[in-house]
Amino acid sequence: MTTAELIHHLPKTETHFHIEGSLPWHLLQAAHPEKYESPPASWSPDFRFQNFAHFETELLGYAADFFNSPDRYHACAKAVFEDALSRNVRYIETSFASGCVDFLNLDGLAVCDAIRAAVPAGLEVRIFLGIHHDGYTEKMSTVLEDALTWKNLDGIDLHGAEDVPVGDWAPGLWQRARDAGKFTKAHAGEFMGPDFIRYAIEVLGVTRIEHGTRVIEDASLISLLRDRGVALDMCPISNLKLGVVPFAQAHPIRQLLDAGITCTVSTDDPISFGNHIEDEYHLLAEDLGFSHHDLAEVAKNGFKVALAPADWRQQQIRQIDSLIG
């Protein structure tokens, strides 16, 4: 089996996947054909964003032009989930942004339910509400507290620019979410260093870090992750195009896996990076020298951390094992 054939046939996961950032270009183009005549320059393999603000401004512009109703979220999710199935993705953890709910004056519960209604047979999906560092405003506090009771919401995630201070409200909200049976995650270690990853683990109490790339800078933090079983949901192409790593071969996922850290791979925001899940695996193989066995182990990690029944997760892992003999 060639590497491309293996990558195609592997049962895969997307554990770090923003619904606004996964908006299919054809849907945005259909909504605004004159404005979005051709795909963005950022899809070029050589493209690099100037900084996080450059990326976020572009992405939020796309979101504002499309996500004006729960129905639009449903249309996006339906297209995205169907495409994922065609790529043999079996499990997705996706988030929608509380900032979009706020600034676009949407009903957050209706958005959540619209995403859930788009899930097709054969795909397991878990839905998270992404909350920015300064997102617990007077207007949004009631929404965020109420979200902990939403049936179709599986958890919360910390989003946004890492250098914005996190309010004192966050540790309490993250604990209340877990008390309500919701899973908690946090974006950390992308543009801020190891100290912010440590905050997410020790203060917010999370066991899943979105990115976590800069944990490699602190050996004691690597030990903390390993001791506490914290997993990193990494996005190599995102890290490359945002300048978190200077070139693909510098990505630390190999060293972290060798250190005993559970790492998964996902696409993050495909509308900005022009990537598919297969591209992430090809980067591992072509730029970091991952063998077929290594690629299979990364795929299995996605199912090991999945918020799904153990017997279903083991079934997916057995299918991966059968591919590599």
Protein backbone atom coordinates (compact mmCIF):
# COMPACT_ATOMS: atom_id res chain seq x y z
CA MET A 1 0.00 0.00 0.00
CA THR A 2 1.37 3.42 -0.89
CA THR A 3 1.45 6.20 1.69
CA ALA A 4 -1.34 8.04 -0.13
CA GLU A 5 -3.48 4.89 -0.14
CA LEU A 6 -2.86 4.33 3.56
CA ILE A 7 -3.74 7.92 4.43
CA HIS A 8 -6.96 7.66 2.43
CA HIS A 9 -8.02 4.37 3.99
CA LEU A 10 -7.12 5.23 7.58
CA PRO A 11 -10.14 5.91 9.78
CA LYS A 12 -9.43 9.46 10.90
CA THR A 13 -10.56 12.11 13.35
CA GLU A 14 -10.76 15.91 13.43
CA THR A 15 -10.38 16.90 17.08
CA HIS A 16 -9.45 20.55 16.47
CA PHE A 17 -11.90 21.95 13.94
CA HIS A 18 -13.64 25.35 13.91
CA ILE A 19 -16.99 25.36 12.14
CA GLU A 20 -16.63 28.99 11.00
CA GLY A 21 -13.09 28.22 9.84
CA SER A 22 -14.24 25.16 7.91
CA LEU A 23 -16.76 27.07 5.77
CA PRO A 24 -16.56 25.55 2.27
CA TRP A 25 -15.43 28.13 -0.26
CA HIS A 26 -18.22 27.28 -2.68
CA LEU A 27 -20.85 28.25 -0.10
CA LEU A 28 -19.19 31.61 0.61
CA GLN A 29 -18.76 32.18 -3.12
CA ALA A 30 -22.41 31.38 -3.81
CA ALA A 31 -23.46 33.90 -1.15
CA HIS A 32 -21.17 36.64 -2.52
CA PRO A 33 -20.05 35.69 -6.06
CA GLU A 34 -18.58 39.08 -6.93
CA LYS A 35 -16.64 39.53 -3.70
CA TYR A 36 -15.24 36.00 -3.58
CA GLU A 37 -14.45 35.28 -7.19
CA SER A 38 -11.43 33.04 -6.53
CA PRO A 39 -9.94 31.24 -3.50
CA PRO A 40 -7.67 33.29 -1.21
CA ALA A 41 -3.92 33.65 -1.60
CA SER A 42 -3.53 31.94 1.77
CA TRP A 43 -4.25 28.58 0.14
CA SER A 44 -0.84 28.64 -1.55
CA PRO A 45 1.60 26.24 0.19
CA ASP A 46 4.16 29.05 0.45
CA PHE A 47 1.79 31.61 1.98
CA ARG A 48 2.48 32.90 5.50
CA PHE A 49 0.17 35.13 7.53
CA GLN A 50 1.86 38.23 8.94
CA ASN A 51 0.59 37.49 12.45
CA PHE A 52 -2.45 36.15 14.27
CA ALA A 53 -4.36 39.43 13.81
CA HIS A 54 -3.90 39.18 10.04
CA PHE A 55 -5.33 35.66 10.08
CA GLU A 56 -8.18 36.45 12.46
CA THR A 57 -9.27 39.56 10.56
CA GLU A 58 -9.51 37.60 7.31
CA LEU A 59 -11.32 34.67 8.92
CA LEU A 60 -13.83 36.86 10.78
CA GLY A 61 -14.55 38.69 7.53
CA TYR A 62 -15.57 35.41 5.91
CA ALA A 63 -17.67 34.50 8.94
CA ALA A 64 -19.47 37.85 9.02
CA ASP A 65 -20.33 37.55 5.34
CA PHE A 66 -21.89 34.12 5.69
CA PHE A 67 -23.06 33.15 9.17
CA ASN A 68 -26.12 35.37 9.53
CA SER A 69 -28.48 32.67 10.84
CA PRO A 70 -28.60 29.19 12.37
CA ASP A 71 -29.67 27.93 8.94
CA ARG A 72 -26.34 29.09 7.53
CA TYR A 73 -24.53 27.14 10.26
CA HIS A 74 -26.60 24.10 9.34
CA ALA A 75 -25.75 24.44 5.65
CA CYS A 76 -22.05 24.78 6.42
CA ALA A 77 -22.01 21.87 8.85
CA LYS A 78 -23.93 19.62 6.45
CA ALA A 79 -21.43 20.23 3.64
CA VAL A 80 -18.43 19.90 5.95
CA PHE A 81 -19.62 16.67 7.56
CA GLU A 82 -20.42 15.06 4.22
CA ASP A 83 -16.97 15.98 2.92
CA ALA A 84 -15.38 14.56 6.07
CA LEU A 85 -17.11 11.23 5.55
CA SER A 86 -15.75 11.09 2.00
CA ARG A 87 -12.26 11.39 3.51
CA ASN A 88 -12.91 8.55 5.93
CA VAL A 89 -13.19 10.85 8.93
CA ARG A 90 -15.27 9.02 11.52
CA TYR A 91 -15.19 11.48 14.44
CA ILE A 92 -15.20 15.29 14.71
CA GLU A 93 -14.95 17.72 17.59
CA THR A 94 -16.02 21.08 16.21
CA SER A 95 -16.49 24.43 17.89
CA PHE A 96 -18.52 27.51 17.09
CA ALA A 97 -17.47 30.90 18.39
CA SER A 98 -19.34 32.75 21.10
CA GLY A 99 -17.90 35.92 19.56
CA CYS A 100 -19.86 35.25 16.37
CA VAL A 101 -23.01 34.63 18.41
CA ASP A 102 -22.37 37.94 20.12
CA PHE A 103 -21.39 40.22 17.24
CA LEU A 104 -23.79 38.71 14.70
CA ASN A 105 -26.65 38.72 17.24
CA LEU A 106 -27.44 35.03 16.82
CA ASP A 107 -29.26 32.59 19.08
CA GLY A 108 -26.46 30.39 20.40
CA LEU A 109 -28.74 27.51 21.34
CA ALA A 110 -30.31 27.54 17.87
CA VAL A 111 -26.84 27.53 16.28
CA CYS A 112 -25.79 24.57 18.40
CA ASP A 113 -28.95 22.65 17.53
CA ALA A 114 -28.56 23.49 13.83
CA ILE A 115 -25.05 22.02 13.80
CA ARG A 116 -26.27 18.88 15.57
CA ALA A 117 -29.12 18.47 13.08
CA ALA A 118 -26.58 18.36 10.23
CA VAL A 119 -24.72 15.30 11.54
CA PRO A 120 -25.06 12.41 9.06
CA ALA A 121 -25.22 8.70 9.83
CA GLY A 122 -21.78 7.18 10.18
CA LEU A 123 -20.14 10.24 11.73
CA GLU A 124 -19.69 10.96 15.44
CA VAL A 125 -19.68 14.69 16.21
CA ARG A 126 -19.10 16.55 19.46
CA ILE A 127 -19.93 20.27 19.60
CA PHE A 128 -18.04 22.87 21.64
CA LEU A 129 -18.68 26.55 22.33
CA GLY A 130 -15.47 28.54 21.87
CA ILE A 131 -15.16 31.43 24.32
CA HIS A 132 -12.62 34.23 23.84
CA HIS A 133 -10.38 35.43 26.67
CA ASP A 134 -12.50 38.55 27.09
CA GLY A 135 -15.76 36.94 25.99
CA TYR A 136 -17.57 36.85 29.34
CA THR A 137 -19.20 40.26 28.94
CA GLU A 138 -22.31 41.65 30.56
CA LYS A 139 -24.22 40.81 27.39
CA MET A 140 -22.83 37.29 26.99
CA SER A 141 -22.52 36.10 30.59
CA THR A 142 -26.12 34.86 30.71
CA VAL A 143 -25.69 33.07 27.37
CA LEU A 144 -22.46 31.36 28.47
CA GLU A 145 -23.91 30.23 31.78
CA ASP A 146 -27.08 29.00 30.08
CA ALA A 147 -24.98 27.11 27.52
CA LEU A 148 -23.95 24.69 30.26
CA THR A 149 -27.52 23.36 30.15
CA TRP A 150 -27.77 22.93 26.36
CA LYS A 151 -28.45 19.30 25.52
CA ASN A 152 -26.56 19.33 22.20
CA LEU A 153 -23.48 21.11 23.55
CA ASP A 154 -20.71 18.72 24.58
CA GLY A 155 -18.23 21.18 26.01
CA ILE A 156 -16.46 24.54 26.01
CA ASP A 157 -13.11 25.66 24.63
CA LEU A 158 -10.94 28.73 25.16
CA HIS A 159 -10.45 30.64 21.88
CA GLY A 160 -8.82 33.78 20.56
CA ALA A 161 -5.59 35.73 20.77
CA GLU A 162 -3.49 34.24 23.56
CA ASP A 163 -1.91 37.55 24.58
CA VAL A 164 -5.28 38.95 25.71
CA PRO A 165 -5.56 38.44 29.50
CA VAL A 166 -8.07 35.80 30.58
CA GLY A 167 -10.66 37.17 32.98
CA ASP A 168 -11.03 35.93 36.54
CA TRP A 169 -14.38 34.44 35.53
CA ALA A 170 -12.78 31.66 33.48
CA PRO A 171 -11.68 29.09 36.11
CA GLY A 172 -15.12 29.11 37.69
CA LEU A 173 -16.91 28.72 34.36
CA TRP A 174 -14.63 25.86 33.31
CA GLN A 175 -15.31 24.09 36.62
CA ARG A 176 -19.06 24.66 36.37
CA ALA A 177 -18.98 23.24 32.86
CA ARG A 178 -17.37 20.02 34.11
CA ASP A 179 -19.84 19.89 36.99
CA ALA A 180 -22.62 20.07 34.37
CA GLY A 181 -21.14 17.11 32.49
CA LYS A 182 -19.47 19.15 29.75
CA PHE A 183 -15.92 18.50 28.55
CA THR A 184 -13.43 21.38 28.74
CA LYS A 185 -10.52 22.29 26.47
CA ALA A 186 -8.32 25.33 25.82
CA HIS A 187 -6.26 26.77 22.99
CA ALA A 188 -2.77 27.39 24.34
CA GLY A 189 0.87 27.22 23.36
CA GLU A 190 0.48 28.64 19.88
CA PHE A 191 1.71 32.24 20.25
CA MET A 192 2.21 32.34 24.02
CA GLY A 193 4.79 30.13 25.66
CA PRO A 194 4.75 27.27 28.17
CA ASP A 195 3.41 29.39 31.04
CA PHE A 196 0.05 29.77 29.33
CA ILE A 197 -0.18 26.02 28.70
CA ARG A 198 0.53 25.51 32.40
CA TYR A 199 -2.27 27.97 33.24
CA ALA A 200 -4.73 26.05 31.07
CA ILE A 201 -3.85 22.79 32.82
CA GLU A 202 -3.37 23.90 36.42
CA VAL A 203 -5.89 26.76 36.66
CA LEU A 204 -8.54 25.93 34.08
CA GLY A 205 -8.16 22.20 34.77
CA VAL A 206 -8.18 20.96 31.17
CA THR A 207 -6.75 17.68 29.91
CA ARG A 208 -6.88 18.59 26.22
CA ILE A 209 -4.85 21.44 24.76
CA GLU A 210 -5.59 22.76 21.28
CA HIS A 211 -2.15 23.25 19.67
CA GLY A 212 0.29 23.15 22.61
CA THR A 213 3.14 23.50 20.12
CA ARG A 214 5.39 25.50 22.43
CA VAL A 215 5.33 22.92 25.21
CA ILE A 216 8.54 21.71 23.59
CA GLU A 217 10.30 24.70 25.19
CA ASP A 218 9.85 23.42 28.77
CA ALA A 219 10.94 19.91 29.79
CA SER A 220 9.13 20.18 33.13
CA LEU A 221 5.90 21.01 31.33
CA ILE A 222 6.32 18.00 29.05
CA SER A 223 6.58 15.91 32.21
CA LEU A 224 3.42 17.53 33.59
CA LEU A 225 1.49 16.68 30.43
CA ARG A 226 2.73 13.12 30.49
CA ASP A 227 1.97 12.66 34.20
CA ARG A 228 -1.55 14.06 33.88
CA GLY A 229 -2.34 12.39 30.56
CA VAL A 230 -2.92 15.70 28.76
CA ALA A 231 -3.34 15.32 25.01
CA LEU A 232 -2.42 17.88 22.34
CA ASP A 233 -4.71 18.41 19.35
CA MET A 234 -2.10 19.71 16.91
CA CYS A 235 -2.47 21.37 13.51
CA PRO A 236 0.89 21.36 11.69
CA ILE A 237 -0.20 23.24 8.56
CA SER A 238 -1.89 25.93 10.66
CA ASN A 239 1.27 26.25 12.76
CA LEU A 240 3.35 26.58 9.61
CA LYS A 241 1.20 29.20 7.87
CA LEU A 242 0.83 31.24 11.05
CA GLY A 243 4.58 31.23 11.69
CA VAL A 244 4.42 29.26 14.94
CA VAL A 245 7.12 27.07 13.39
CA PRO A 246 9.53 28.47 10.77
CA PHE A 247 9.34 25.45 8.45
CA ALA A 248 7.56 22.09 8.43
CA GLN A 249 10.57 20.07 9.56
CA ALA A 250 10.77 22.21 12.72
CA HIS A 251 7.36 21.09 13.99
CA PRO A 252 7.80 19.36 17.38
CA ILE A 253 5.12 16.69 17.04
CA ARG A 254 7.71 13.93 16.55
CA GLN A 255 9.64 14.90 19.70
CA LEU A 256 6.44 15.15 21.71
CA LEU A 257 5.22 11.74 20.59
CA ASP A 258 8.64 10.28 21.42
CA ALA A 259 8.35 11.89 24.87
CA GLY A 260 5.12 9.99 25.51
CA ILE A 261 2.65 12.81 24.83
CA THR A 262 -0.58 11.89 23.06
CA CYS A 263 -0.85 14.04 19.92
CA THR A 264 -3.59 14.16 17.32
CA VAL A 265 -3.67 16.08 14.00
CA SER A 266 -6.46 18.22 12.58
CA THR A 267 -7.01 20.98 10.03
CA ASP A 268 -8.04 23.86 12.35
CA ASP A 269 -9.41 26.40 9.80
CA PRO A 270 -9.41 25.02 6.25
CA ILE A 271 -10.96 28.12 4.71
CA SER A 272 -7.84 30.04 5.71
CA PHE A 273 -5.21 27.36 5.12
CA GLY A 274 -6.64 25.53 2.09
CA ASN A 275 -5.94 22.18 3.70
CA HIS A 276 -7.67 18.82 4.06
CA ILE A 277 -7.06 16.22 6.73
CA GLU A 278 -5.04 14.12 4.26
CA ASP A 279 -2.64 17.04 3.84
CA GLU A 280 -1.80 16.96 7.54
CA TYR A 281 -0.84 13.29 7.29
CA HIS A 282 1.16 13.90 4.11
CA LEU A 283 3.14 16.61 5.92
CA LEU A 284 3.97 14.12 8.69
CA ALA A 285 5.13 11.58 6.13
CA GLU A 286 6.95 13.83 3.68
CA ASP A 287 8.46 16.50 5.93
CA LEU A 288 8.86 14.69 9.24
CA GLY A 289 9.59 11.16 8.02
CA PHE A 290 6.64 9.43 9.67
CA SER A 291 6.41 5.76 8.70
CA HIS A 292 3.15 3.98 7.97
CA HIS A 293 3.20 2.69 11.53
CA ASP A 294 3.74 6.25 12.85
CA LEU A 295 0.82 7.59 10.80
CA ALA A 296 -1.39 4.82 12.12
CA GLU A 297 -0.42 5.65 15.71
CA VAL A 298 -1.39 9.30 15.18
CA ALA A 299 -4.73 8.20 13.72
CA LYS A 300 -5.28 5.90 16.70
CA ASN A 301 -4.55 8.76 19.10
CA GLY A 302 -7.55 10.62 17.69
CA PHE A 303 -9.81 7.75 18.68
CA LYS A 304 -8.11 7.26 22.04
CA VAL A 305 -9.08 10.79 23.10
CA ALA A 306 -12.49 10.78 21.39
CA LEU A 307 -15.51 11.47 23.58
CA ALA A 308 -17.22 8.31 22.40
CA PRO A 309 -18.06 4.86 23.82
CA ALA A 310 -15.02 2.67 24.45
CA ASP A 311 -16.24 -0.22 22.29
CA TRP A 312 -16.76 2.10 19.29
CA ARG A 313 -13.31 3.63 19.76
CA GLN A 314 -11.70 0.19 19.95
CA GLN A 315 -13.49 -0.86 16.77
CA GLN A 316 -11.91 2.07 14.90
CA ILE A 317 -8.49 1.28 16.35
CA ARG A 318 -8.76 -2.35 15.27
CA GLN A 319 -9.54 -1.20 11.72
CA ILE A 320 -6.40 0.93 11.75
CA ASP A 321 -4.33 -1.99 13.02
CA SER A 322 -5.70 -4.19 10.23
CA LEU A 323 -4.37 -1.74 7.63
CA ILE A 324 -0.76 -1.93 8.77
CA GLY A 325 -0.64 -5.67 9.59
